[in-house]
Amino acid sequence: SLRDDFGQWDPRRQRPELWDLYNARVRPGEHLRAFPI
């Protein structure tokens, strides 16, 4: 789950995760929340 540089979550900015392929890239100031379970 991508979080912006204010730490906020926007459900409209979610990335596709087809075939269990994950995009872990972030821009400066952004971060990820990862939910393995």
PDB file of all heavy atoms in Angstrom:
ATOM      1  N   SER A   1       0.843  -1.192   0.000  1.00  0.00           N
ATOM      2  CA  SER A   1       0.000   0.000   0.000  1.00  0.00           C
ATOM      3  C   SER A   1       0.880   1.243   0.000  1.00  0.00           C
ATOM      4  O   SER A   1       1.661   1.466   0.930  1.00  0.00           O
ATOM      5  CB  SER A   1      -0.893  -0.021   1.240  1.00  0.00           C
ATOM      6  OG  SER A   1      -1.684   1.136   1.322  1.00  0.00           O
ATOM      7  N   LEU A   2       0.769   2.031  -1.043  1.00  0.00           N
ATOM      8  CA  LEU A   2       1.575   3.240  -1.157  1.00  0.00           C
ATOM      9  C   LEU A   2       1.023   4.344  -0.272  1.00  0.00           C
ATOM     10  O   LEU A   2      -0.175   4.597  -0.251  1.00  0.00           O
ATOM     11  CB  LEU A   2       1.592   3.712  -2.615  1.00  0.00           C
ATOM     12  CG  LEU A   2       2.387   4.996  -2.903  1.00  0.00           C
ATOM     13  CD1 LEU A   2       3.879   4.754  -2.682  1.00  0.00           C
ATOM     14  CD2 LEU A   2       2.118   5.472  -4.326  1.00  0.00           C
ATOM     15  N   ARG A   3       1.895   4.998   0.481  1.00  0.00           N
ATOM     16  CA  ARG A   3       1.529   6.164   1.277  1.00  0.00           C
ATOM     17  C   ARG A   3       2.291   7.384   0.754  1.00  0.00           C
ATOM     18  O   ARG A   3       3.501   7.289   0.481  1.00  0.00           O
ATOM     19  CB  ARG A   3       1.845   5.934   2.757  1.00  0.00           C
ATOM     20  CG  ARG A   3       1.142   4.707   3.359  1.00  0.00           C
ATOM     21  CD  ARG A   3      -0.372   4.801   3.236  1.00  0.00           C
ATOM     22  NE  ARG A   3      -1.041   3.572   3.635  1.00  0.00           N
ATOM     23  CZ  ARG A   3      -1.669   3.397   4.791  1.00  0.00           C
ATOM     24  NH1 ARG A   3      -1.689   4.376   5.671  1.00  0.00           N
ATOM     25  NH2 ARG A   3      -2.266   2.260   5.059  1.00  0.00           N
ATOM     26  N   ASP A   4       1.588   8.509   0.627  1.00  0.00           N
ATOM     27  CA  ASP A   4       2.224   9.700   0.050  1.00  0.00           C
ATOM     28  C   ASP A   4       3.146  10.379   1.054  1.00  0.00           C
ATOM     29  O   ASP A   4       3.382   9.873   2.160  1.00  0.00           O
ATOM     30  CB  ASP A   4       1.167  10.667  -0.499  1.00  0.00           C
ATOM     31  CG  ASP A   4       0.251  11.238   0.589  1.00  0.00           C
ATOM     32  OD1 ASP A   4       0.632  11.210   1.782  1.00  0.00           O
ATOM     33  OD2 ASP A   4      -0.842  11.712   0.249  1.00  0.00           O
ATOM     34  N   ASP A   5       3.667  11.537   0.675  1.00  0.00           N
ATOM     35  CA  ASP A   5       4.636  12.205   1.550  1.00  0.00           C
ATOM     36  C   ASP A   5       4.005  12.816   2.789  1.00  0.00           C
ATOM     37  O   ASP A   5       4.701  13.360   3.646  1.00  0.00           O
ATOM     38  CB  ASP A   5       5.439  13.274   0.792  1.00  0.00           C
ATOM     39  CG  ASP A   5       4.568  14.187  -0.048  1.00  0.00           C
ATOM     40  OD1 ASP A   5       3.342  14.027  -0.010  1.00  0.00           O
ATOM     41  OD2 ASP A   5       5.120  15.057  -0.742  1.00  0.00           O
ATOM     42  N   PHE A   6       2.666  12.721   2.923  1.00  0.00           N
ATOM     43  CA  PHE A   6       1.982  13.077   4.160  1.00  0.00           C
ATOM     44  C   PHE A   6       1.587  11.822   4.951  1.00  0.00           C
ATOM     45  O   PHE A   6       0.903  11.928   5.966  1.00  0.00           O
ATOM     46  CB  PHE A   6       0.732  13.909   3.860  1.00  0.00           C
ATOM     47  CG  PHE A   6       1.030  15.255   3.261  1.00  0.00           C
ATOM     48  CD1 PHE A   6       0.874  15.462   1.906  1.00  0.00           C
ATOM     49  CD2 PHE A   6       1.492  16.304   4.045  1.00  0.00           C
ATOM     50  CE1 PHE A   6       1.156  16.701   1.335  1.00  0.00           C
ATOM     51  CE2 PHE A   6       1.777  17.537   3.482  1.00  0.00           C
ATOM     52  CZ  PHE A   6       1.611  17.736   2.126  1.00  0.00           C
ATOM     53  N   GLY A   7       1.993  10.651   4.462  1.00  0.00           N
ATOM     54  CA  GLY A   7       1.660   9.402   5.126  1.00  0.00           C
ATOM     55  C   GLY A   7       0.254   8.918   4.854  1.00  0.00           C
ATOM     56  O   GLY A   7      -0.212   7.973   5.480  1.00  0.00           O
ATOM     57  N   GLN A   8      -0.444   9.558   3.922  1.00  0.00           N
ATOM     58  CA  GLN A   8      -1.854   9.251   3.703  1.00  0.00           C
ATOM     59  C   GLN A   8      -2.051   8.177   2.630  1.00  0.00           C
ATOM     60  O   GLN A   8      -1.223   8.007   1.743  1.00  0.00           O
ATOM     61  CB  GLN A   8      -2.592  10.534   3.303  1.00  0.00           C
ATOM     62  CG  GLN A   8      -2.577  11.588   4.398  1.00  0.00           C
ATOM     63  CD  GLN A   8      -3.223  12.891   3.972  1.00  0.00           C
ATOM     64  OE1 GLN A   8      -3.346  13.173   2.780  1.00  0.00           O
ATOM     65  NE2 GLN A   8      -3.645  13.691   4.937  1.00  0.00           N
ATOM     66  N   TRP A   9      -3.179   7.485   2.755  1.00  0.00           N
ATOM     67  CA  TRP A   9      -3.551   6.422   1.825  1.00  0.00           C
ATOM     68  C   TRP A   9      -4.669   6.904   0.926  1.00  0.00           C
ATOM     69  O   TRP A   9      -5.685   7.402   1.397  1.00  0.00           O
ATOM     70  CB  TRP A   9      -4.015   5.197   2.626  1.00  0.00           C
ATOM     71  CG  TRP A   9      -4.574   4.074   1.800  1.00  0.00           C
ATOM     72  CD1 TRP A   9      -3.900   3.325   0.874  1.00  0.00           C
ATOM     73  CD2 TRP A   9      -5.898   3.536   1.851  1.00  0.00           C
ATOM     74  NE1 TRP A   9      -4.727   2.368   0.343  1.00  0.00           N
ATOM     75  CE2 TRP A   9      -5.972   2.474   0.927  1.00  0.00           C
ATOM     76  CE3 TRP A   9      -7.043   3.861   2.589  1.00  0.00           C
ATOM     77  CZ2 TRP A   9      -7.122   1.724   0.722  1.00  0.00           C
ATOM     78  CZ3 TRP A   9      -8.196   3.116   2.394  1.00  0.00           C
ATOM     79  CH2 TRP A   9      -8.233   2.062   1.467  1.00  0.00           C
ATOM     80  N   ASP A  10      -4.469   6.758  -0.380  1.00  0.00           N
ATOM     81  CA  ASP A  10      -5.492   7.109  -1.362  1.00  0.00           C
ATOM     82  C   ASP A  10      -5.883   5.827  -2.088  1.00  0.00           C
ATOM     83  O   ASP A  10      -5.085   5.300  -2.876  1.00  0.00           O
ATOM     84  CB  ASP A  10      -4.969   8.144  -2.348  1.00  0.00           C
ATOM     85  CG  ASP A  10      -6.035   8.611  -3.337  1.00  0.00           C
ATOM     86  OD1 ASP A  10      -7.126   7.991  -3.377  1.00  0.00           O
ATOM     87  OD2 ASP A  10      -5.772   9.572  -4.070  1.00  0.00           O
ATOM     88  N   PRO A  11      -7.088   5.282  -1.842  1.00  0.00           N
ATOM     89  CA  PRO A  11      -7.468   4.025  -2.488  1.00  0.00           C
ATOM     90  C   PRO A  11      -7.461   4.089  -4.003  1.00  0.00           C
ATOM     91  O   PRO A  11      -7.353   3.063  -4.674  1.00  0.00           O
ATOM     92  CB  PRO A  11      -8.874   3.754  -1.938  1.00  0.00           C
ATOM     93  CG  PRO A  11      -9.360   5.053  -1.404  1.00  0.00           C
ATOM     94  CD  PRO A  11      -8.149   5.801  -0.968  1.00  0.00           C
ATOM     95  N   ARG A  12      -7.538   5.319  -4.588  1.00  0.00           N
ATOM     96  CA  ARG A  12      -7.544   5.452  -6.040  1.00  0.00           C
ATOM     97  C   ARG A  12      -6.149   5.345  -6.640  1.00  0.00           C
ATOM     98  O   ARG A  12      -6.006   5.213  -7.862  1.00  0.00           O
ATOM     99  CB  ARG A  12      -8.159   6.800  -6.433  1.00  0.00           C
ATOM    100  CG  ARG A  12      -9.637   6.940  -6.052  1.00  0.00           C
ATOM    101  CD  ARG A  12     -10.120   8.364  -6.214  1.00  0.00           C
ATOM    102  NE  ARG A  12      -9.388   9.273  -5.326  1.00  0.00           N
ATOM    103  CZ  ARG A  12      -9.630  10.575  -5.246  1.00  0.00           C
ATOM    104  NH1 ARG A  12     -10.567  11.125  -5.994  1.00  0.00           N
ATOM    105  NH2 ARG A  12      -8.925  11.335  -4.428  1.00  0.00           N
ATOM    106  N   ARG A  13      -5.115   5.369  -5.795  1.00  0.00           N
ATOM    107  CA  ARG A  13      -3.734   5.288  -6.290  1.00  0.00           C
ATOM    108  C   ARG A  13      -3.110   3.909  -6.074  1.00  0.00           C
ATOM    109  O   ARG A  13      -1.895   3.754  -6.182  1.00  0.00           O
ATOM    110  CB  ARG A  13      -2.858   6.331  -5.595  1.00  0.00           C
ATOM    111  CG  ARG A  13      -3.184   7.780  -5.937  1.00  0.00           C
ATOM    112  CD  ARG A  13      -2.163   8.692  -5.304  1.00  0.00           C
ATOM    113  NE  ARG A  13      -0.816   8.446  -5.831  1.00  0.00           N
ATOM    114  CZ  ARG A  13       0.306   8.675  -5.152  1.00  0.00           C
ATOM    115  NH1 ARG A  13       0.257   9.124  -3.909  1.00  0.00           N
ATOM    116  NH2 ARG A  13       1.485   8.443  -5.695  1.00  0.00           N
ATOM    117  N   GLN A  14      -3.919   2.926  -5.809  1.00  0.00           N
ATOM    118  CA  GLN A  14      -3.374   1.597  -5.558  1.00  0.00           C
ATOM    119  C   GLN A  14      -2.832   0.983  -6.849  1.00  0.00           C
ATOM    120  O   GLN A  14      -3.375   1.195  -7.930  1.00  0.00           O
ATOM    121  CB  GLN A  14      -4.445   0.693  -4.949  1.00  0.00           C
ATOM    122  CG  GLN A  14      -4.892   1.165  -3.587  1.00  0.00           C
ATOM    123  CD  GLN A  14      -5.632   0.087  -2.841  1.00  0.00           C
ATOM    124  OE1 GLN A  14      -5.049  -0.743  -2.170  1.00  0.00           O
ATOM    125  NE2 GLN A  14      -6.947   0.090  -2.983  1.00  0.00           N
ATOM    126  N   ARG A  15      -1.792   0.197  -6.676  1.00  0.00           N
ATOM    127  CA  ARG A  15      -1.123  -0.398  -7.823  1.00  0.00           C
ATOM    128  C   ARG A  15      -1.634  -1.818  -8.073  1.00  0.00           C
ATOM    129  O   ARG A  15      -1.955  -2.537  -7.123  1.00  0.00           O
ATOM    130  CB  ARG A  15       0.385  -0.449  -7.563  1.00  0.00           C
ATOM    131  CG  ARG A  15       1.018   0.931  -7.423  1.00  0.00           C
ATOM    132  CD  ARG A  15       2.365   0.841  -6.750  1.00  0.00           C
ATOM    133  NE  ARG A  15       3.068   2.112  -6.803  1.00  0.00           N
ATOM    134  CZ  ARG A  15       4.228   2.332  -6.187  1.00  0.00           C
ATOM    135  NH1 ARG A  15       4.792   1.388  -5.452  1.00  0.00           N
ATOM    136  NH2 ARG A  15       4.827   3.507  -6.304  1.00  0.00           N
ATOM    137  N   PRO A  16      -1.696  -2.253  -9.330  1.00  0.00           N
ATOM    138  CA  PRO A  16      -2.119  -3.633  -9.608  1.00  0.00           C
ATOM    139  C   PRO A  16      -1.096  -4.630  -9.072  1.00  0.00           C
ATOM    140  O   PRO A  16       0.106  -4.335  -9.027  1.00  0.00           O
ATOM    141  CB  PRO A  16      -2.195  -3.675 -11.140  1.00  0.00           C
ATOM    142  CG  PRO A  16      -1.297  -2.574 -11.597  1.00  0.00           C
ATOM    143  CD  PRO A  16      -1.378  -1.507 -10.558  1.00  0.00           C
ATOM    144  N   GLU A  17      -1.575  -5.792  -8.658  1.00  0.00           N
ATOM    145  CA  GLU A  17      -0.690  -6.837  -8.133  1.00  0.00           C
ATOM    146  C   GLU A  17      -1.026  -8.175  -8.803  1.00  0.00           C
ATOM    147  O   GLU A  17      -1.248  -9.187  -8.147  1.00  0.00           O
ATOM    148  CB  GLU A  17      -0.819  -6.929  -6.609  1.00  0.00           C
ATOM    149  CG  GLU A  17      -0.310  -5.676  -5.923  1.00  0.00           C
ATOM    150  CD  GLU A  17      -0.457  -5.700  -4.409  1.00  0.00           C
ATOM    151  OE1 GLU A  17      -1.251  -6.518  -3.882  1.00  0.00           O
ATOM    152  OE2 GLU A  17       0.197  -4.895  -3.731  1.00  0.00           O
ATOM    153  N   LEU A  18      -1.048  -8.170 -10.125  1.00  0.00           N
ATOM    154  CA  LEU A  18      -1.361  -9.371 -10.884  1.00  0.00           C
ATOM    155  C   LEU A  18      -0.237 -10.394 -10.743  1.00  0.00           C
ATOM    156  O   LEU A  18       0.947 -10.040 -10.753  1.00  0.00           O
ATOM    157  CB  LEU A  18      -1.579  -9.015 -12.356  1.00  0.00           C
ATOM    158  CG  LEU A  18      -2.660  -7.947 -12.641  1.00  0.00           C
ATOM    159  CD1 LEU A  18      -2.692  -7.616 -14.113  1.00  0.00           C
ATOM    160  CD2 LEU A  18      -4.012  -8.441 -12.162  1.00  0.00           C
ATOM    161  N   TRP A  19      -0.622 -11.657 -10.640  1.00  0.00           N
ATOM    162  CA  TRP A  19       0.323 -12.775 -10.566  1.00  0.00           C
ATOM    163  C   TRP A  19       1.331 -12.615  -9.423  1.00  0.00           C
ATOM    164  O   TRP A  19       2.483 -13.031  -9.519  1.00  0.00           O
ATOM    165  CB  TRP A  19       1.071 -12.939 -11.898  1.00  0.00           C
ATOM    166  CG  TRP A  19       0.145 -13.073 -13.061  1.00  0.00           C
ATOM    167  CD1 TRP A  19      -0.698 -14.108 -13.324  1.00  0.00           C
ATOM    168  CD2 TRP A  19      -0.061 -12.119 -14.116  1.00  0.00           C
ATOM    169  NE1 TRP A  19      -1.414 -13.860 -14.482  1.00  0.00           N
ATOM    170  CE2 TRP A  19      -1.043 -12.646 -14.983  1.00  0.00           C
ATOM    171  CE3 TRP A  19       0.499 -10.866 -14.403  1.00  0.00           C
ATOM    172  CZ2 TRP A  19      -1.485 -11.964 -16.110  1.00  0.00           C
ATOM    173  CZ3 TRP A  19       0.060 -10.190 -15.529  1.00  0.00           C
ATOM    174  CH2 TRP A  19      -0.915 -10.740 -16.366  1.00  0.00           C
ATOM    175  N   ASP A  20       0.902 -11.972  -8.349  1.00  0.00           N
ATOM    176  CA  ASP A  20       1.757 -11.785  -7.169  1.00  0.00           C
ATOM    177  C   ASP A  20       3.043 -11.025  -7.495  1.00  0.00           C
ATOM    178  O   ASP A  20       4.096 -11.277  -6.892  1.00  0.00           O
ATOM    179  CB  ASP A  20       2.090 -13.131  -6.517  1.00  0.00           C
ATOM    180  CG  ASP A  20       0.865 -13.807  -5.947  1.00  0.00           C
ATOM    181  OD1 ASP A  20      -0.099 -13.101  -5.611  1.00  0.00           O
ATOM    182  OD2 ASP A  20       0.857 -15.056  -5.853  1.00  0.00           O
ATOM    183  N   LEU A  21       2.955 -10.107  -8.457  1.00  0.00           N
ATOM    184  CA  LEU A  21       4.084  -9.235  -8.760  1.00  0.00           C
ATOM    185  C   LEU A  21       3.858  -7.909  -8.047  1.00  0.00           C
ATOM    186  O   LEU A  21       2.811  -7.280  -8.196  1.00  0.00           O
ATOM    187  CB  LEU A  21       4.194  -9.006 -10.269  1.00  0.00           C
ATOM    188  CG  LEU A  21       4.494 -10.250 -11.103  1.00  0.00           C
ATOM    189  CD1 LEU A  21       4.464  -9.910 -12.587  1.00  0.00           C
ATOM    190  CD2 LEU A  21       5.840 -10.856 -10.726  1.00  0.00           C
ATOM    191  N   TYR A  22       4.848  -7.480  -7.241  1.00  0.00           N
ATOM    192  CA  TYR A  22       4.678  -6.330  -6.375  1.00  0.00           C
ATOM    193  C   TYR A  22       5.609  -5.200  -6.778  1.00  0.00           C
ATOM    194  O   TYR A  22       6.800  -5.406  -7.038  1.00  0.00           O
ATOM    195  CB  TYR A  22       4.943  -6.725  -4.921  1.00  0.00           C
ATOM    196  CG  TYR A  22       4.058  -7.844  -4.453  1.00  0.00           C
ATOM    197  CD1 TYR A  22       4.583  -9.123  -4.211  1.00  0.00           C
ATOM    198  CD2 TYR A  22       2.693  -7.648  -4.276  1.00  0.00           C
ATOM    199  CE1 TYR A  22       3.759 -10.152  -3.791  1.00  0.00           C
ATOM    200  CE2 TYR A  22       1.870  -8.680  -3.861  1.00  0.00           C
ATOM    201  CZ  TYR A  22       2.406  -9.931  -3.622  1.00  0.00           C
ATOM    202  OH  TYR A  22       1.584 -10.950  -3.223  1.00  0.00           O
ATOM    203  N   ASN A  23       5.072  -4.002  -6.815  1.00  0.00           N
ATOM    204  CA  ASN A  23       5.835  -2.803  -7.130  1.00  0.00           C
ATOM    205  C   ASN A  23       6.176  -2.095  -5.831  1.00  0.00           C
ATOM    206  O   ASN A  23       5.307  -1.480  -5.197  1.00  0.00           O
ATOM    207  CB  ASN A  23       5.012  -1.893  -8.048  1.00  0.00           C
ATOM    208  CG  ASN A  23       5.759  -0.636  -8.460  1.00  0.00           C
ATOM    209  OD1 ASN A  23       6.857  -0.359  -7.976  1.00  0.00           O
ATOM    210  ND2 ASN A  23       5.164   0.154  -9.343  1.00  0.00           N
ATOM    211  N   ALA A  24       7.430  -2.166  -5.432  1.00  0.00           N
ATOM    212  CA  ALA A  24       7.856  -1.592  -4.144  1.00  0.00           C
ATOM    213  C   ALA A  24       8.589  -0.271  -4.314  1.00  0.00           C
ATOM    214  O   ALA A  24       9.221   0.211  -3.374  1.00  0.00           O
ATOM    215  CB  ALA A  24       8.747  -2.589  -3.399  1.00  0.00           C
ATOM    216  N   ARG A  25       8.480   0.336  -5.479  1.00  0.00           N
ATOM    217  CA  ARG A  25       9.171   1.612  -5.696  1.00  0.00           C
ATOM    218  C   ARG A  25       8.415   2.759  -5.030  1.00  0.00           C
ATOM    219  O   ARG A  25       7.181   2.781  -5.030  1.00  0.00           O
ATOM    220  CB  ARG A  25       9.308   1.881  -7.193  1.00  0.00           C
ATOM    221  CG  ARG A  25      10.308   0.960  -7.892  1.00  0.00           C
ATOM    222  CD  ARG A  25      10.335   1.226  -9.380  1.00  0.00           C
ATOM    223  NE  ARG A  25       9.053   0.883 -10.001  1.00  0.00           N
ATOM    224  CZ  ARG A  25       8.788   1.037 -11.295  1.00  0.00           C
ATOM    225  NH1 ARG A  25       9.699   1.555 -12.088  1.00  0.00           N
ATOM    226  NH2 ARG A  25       7.609   0.697 -11.776  1.00  0.00           N
ATOM    227  N   VAL A  26       9.159   3.697  -4.500  1.00  0.00           N
ATOM    228  CA  VAL A  26       8.563   4.899  -3.907  1.00  0.00           C
ATOM    229  C   VAL A  26       9.359   6.109  -4.344  1.00  0.00           C
ATOM    230  O   VAL A  26      10.556   6.020  -4.632  1.00  0.00           O
ATOM    231  CB  VAL A  26       8.526   4.834  -2.361  1.00  0.00           C
ATOM    232  CG1 VAL A  26       7.646   3.698  -1.882  1.00  0.00           C
ATOM    233  CG2 VAL A  26       9.939   4.688  -1.782  1.00  0.00           C
ATOM    234  N   ARG A  27       8.676   7.262  -4.364  1.00  0.00           N
ATOM    235  CA  ARG A  27       9.353   8.532  -4.642  1.00  0.00           C
ATOM    236  C   ARG A  27       9.868   9.115  -3.331  1.00  0.00           C
ATOM    237  O   ARG A  27       9.431   8.694  -2.253  1.00  0.00           O
ATOM    238  CB  ARG A  27       8.370   9.496  -5.302  1.00  0.00           C
ATOM    239  CG  ARG A  27       7.858   9.047  -6.661  1.00  0.00           C
ATOM    240  CD  ARG A  27       7.051  10.161  -7.303  1.00  0.00           C
ATOM    241  NE  ARG A  27       6.573   9.775  -8.614  1.00  0.00           N
ATOM    242  CZ  ARG A  27       5.300   9.682  -8.959  1.00  0.00           C
ATOM    243  NH1 ARG A  27       4.359   9.961  -8.060  1.00  0.00           N
ATOM    244  NH2 ARG A  27       4.943   9.338 -10.182  1.00  0.00           N
ATOM    245  N   PRO A  28      10.755  10.089  -3.398  1.00  0.00           N
ATOM    246  CA  PRO A  28      11.233  10.732  -2.159  1.00  0.00           C
ATOM    247  C   PRO A  28      10.066  11.242  -1.312  1.00  0.00           C
ATOM    248  O   PRO A  28       9.152  11.913  -1.822  1.00  0.00           O
ATOM    249  CB  PRO A  28      12.086  11.886  -2.682  1.00  0.00           C
ATOM    250  CG  PRO A  28      12.581  11.410  -4.010  1.00  0.00           C
ATOM    251  CD  PRO A  28      11.449  10.616  -4.591  1.00  0.00           C
ATOM    252  N   GLY A  29      10.074  10.887  -0.033  1.00  0.00           N
ATOM    253  CA  GLY A  29       9.021  11.296   0.890  1.00  0.00           C
ATOM    254  C   GLY A  29       7.917  10.275   1.041  1.00  0.00           C
ATOM    255  O   GLY A  29       7.216  10.264   2.058  1.00  0.00           O
ATOM    256  N   GLU A  30       7.710   9.418   0.041  1.00  0.00           N
ATOM    257  CA  GLU A  30       6.681   8.385   0.135  1.00  0.00           C
ATOM    258  C   GLU A  30       7.221   7.172   0.891  1.00  0.00           C
ATOM    259  O   GLU A  30       8.423   7.022   1.089  1.00  0.00           O
ATOM    260  CB  GLU A  30       6.241   7.943  -1.269  1.00  0.00           C
ATOM    261  CG  GLU A  30       5.592   9.015  -2.100  1.00  0.00           C
ATOM    262  CD  GLU A  30       5.259   8.521  -3.503  1.00  0.00           C
ATOM    263  OE1 GLU A  30       5.905   7.544  -3.954  1.00  0.00           O
ATOM    264  OE2 GLU A  30       4.365   9.115  -4.132  1.00  0.00           O
ATOM    265  N   HIS A  31       6.314   6.304   1.323  1.00  0.00           N
ATOM    266  CA  HIS A  31       6.730   5.026   1.886  1.00  0.00           C
ATOM    267  C   HIS A  31       5.646   3.998   1.629  1.00  0.00           C
ATOM    268  O   HIS A  31       4.545   4.316   1.176  1.00  0.00           O
ATOM    269  CB  HIS A  31       7.042   5.141   3.383  1.00  0.00           C
ATOM    270  CG  HIS A  31       5.863   5.364   4.256  1.00  0.00           C
ATOM    271  ND1 HIS A  31       5.326   6.617   4.498  1.00  0.00           N
ATOM    272  CD2 HIS A  31       5.085   4.499   4.975  1.00  0.00           C
ATOM    273  CE1 HIS A  31       4.299   6.522   5.315  1.00  0.00           C
ATOM    274  NE2 HIS A  31       4.109   5.247   5.617  1.00  0.00           N
ATOM    275  N   LEU A  32       5.973   2.749   1.913  1.00  0.00           N
ATOM    276  CA  LEU A  32       5.040   1.648   1.705  1.00  0.00           C
ATOM    277  C   LEU A  32       4.562   1.100   3.038  1.00  0.00           C
ATOM    278  O   LEU A  32       5.294   1.111   4.028  1.00  0.00           O
ATOM    279  CB  LEU A  32       5.719   0.499   0.950  1.00  0.00           C
ATOM    280  CG  LEU A  32       6.135   0.720  -0.504  1.00  0.00           C
ATOM    281  CD1 LEU A  32       6.892  -0.511  -0.990  1.00  0.00           C
ATOM    282  CD2 LEU A  32       4.922   0.977  -1.376  1.00  0.00           C
ATOM    283  N   ARG A  33       3.336   0.623   3.054  1.00  0.00           N
ATOM    284  CA  ARG A  33       2.868  -0.265   4.117  1.00  0.00           C
ATOM    285  C   ARG A  33       2.700  -1.639   3.463  1.00  0.00           C
ATOM    286  O   ARG A  33       1.982  -1.758   2.449  1.00  0.00           O
ATOM    287  CB  ARG A  33       1.538   0.201   4.693  1.00  0.00           C
ATOM    288  CG  ARG A  33       1.541   1.640   5.196  1.00  0.00           C
ATOM    289  CD  ARG A  33       2.258   1.811   6.520  1.00  0.00           C
ATOM    290  NE  ARG A  33       2.356   3.221   6.862  1.00  0.00           N
ATOM    291  CZ  ARG A  33       1.417   3.902   7.522  1.00  0.00           C
ATOM    292  NH1 ARG A  33       0.292   3.279   7.890  1.00  0.00           N
ATOM    293  NH2 ARG A  33       1.578   5.177   7.805  1.00  0.00           N
ATOM    294  N   ALA A  34       3.351  -2.622   3.964  1.00  0.00           N
ATOM    295  CA  ALA A  34       3.305  -3.970   3.398  1.00  0.00           C
ATOM    296  C   ALA A  34       2.552  -4.897   4.345  1.00  0.00           C
ATOM    297  O   ALA A  34       2.845  -4.927   5.545  1.00  0.00           O
ATOM    298  CB  ALA A  34       4.728  -4.493   3.160  1.00  0.00           C
ATOM    299  N   PHE A  35       1.591  -5.654   3.805  1.00  0.00           N
ATOM    300  CA  PHE A  35       0.740  -6.517   4.617  1.00  0.00           C
ATOM    301  C   PHE A  35       0.874  -7.975   4.159  1.00  0.00           C
ATOM    302  O   PHE A  35       0.063  -8.470   3.365  1.00  0.00           O
ATOM    303  CB  PHE A  35      -0.708  -6.043   4.530  1.00  0.00           C
ATOM    304  CG  PHE A  35      -0.889  -4.605   4.929  1.00  0.00           C
ATOM    305  CD1 PHE A  35      -1.235  -3.641   3.987  1.00  0.00           C
ATOM    306  CD2 PHE A  35      -0.686  -4.201   6.235  1.00  0.00           C
ATOM    307  CE1 PHE A  35      -1.383  -2.306   4.345  1.00  0.00           C
ATOM    308  CE2 PHE A  35      -0.839  -2.877   6.611  1.00  0.00           C
ATOM    309  CZ  PHE A  35      -1.193  -1.927   5.672  1.00  0.00           C
ATOM    310  N   PRO A  36       1.900  -8.675   4.651  1.00  0.00           N
ATOM    311  CA  PRO A  36       2.177 -10.032   4.170  1.00  0.00           C
ATOM    312  C   PRO A  36       1.081 -11.049   4.465  1.00  0.00           C
ATOM    313  O   PRO A  36       0.991 -12.071   3.776  1.00  0.00           O
ATOM    314  CB  PRO A  36       3.477 -10.403   4.904  1.00  0.00           C
ATOM    315  CG  PRO A  36       4.110  -9.093   5.266  1.00  0.00           C
ATOM    316  CD  PRO A  36       2.954  -8.190   5.558  1.00  0.00           C
ATOM    317  N   ILE A  37       0.263 -10.810   5.502  1.00  0.00           N
ATOM    318  CA  ILE A  37      -0.778 -11.796   5.828  1.00  0.00           C
ATOM    319  C   ILE A  37      -2.156 -11.275   5.448  1.00  0.00           C
ATOM    320  O   ILE A  37      -3.161 -11.652   6.058  1.00  0.00           O
ATOM    321  CB  ILE A  37      -0.717 -12.226   7.315  1.00  0.00           C
ATOM    322  CG1 ILE A  37      -0.953 -11.032   8.257  1.00  0.00           C
ATOM    323  CG2 ILE A  37       0.612 -12.886   7.638  1.00  0.00           C
ATOM    324  CD1 ILE A  37      -1.098 -11.459   9.732  1.00  0.00           C
TER     325      ILE A  37
END
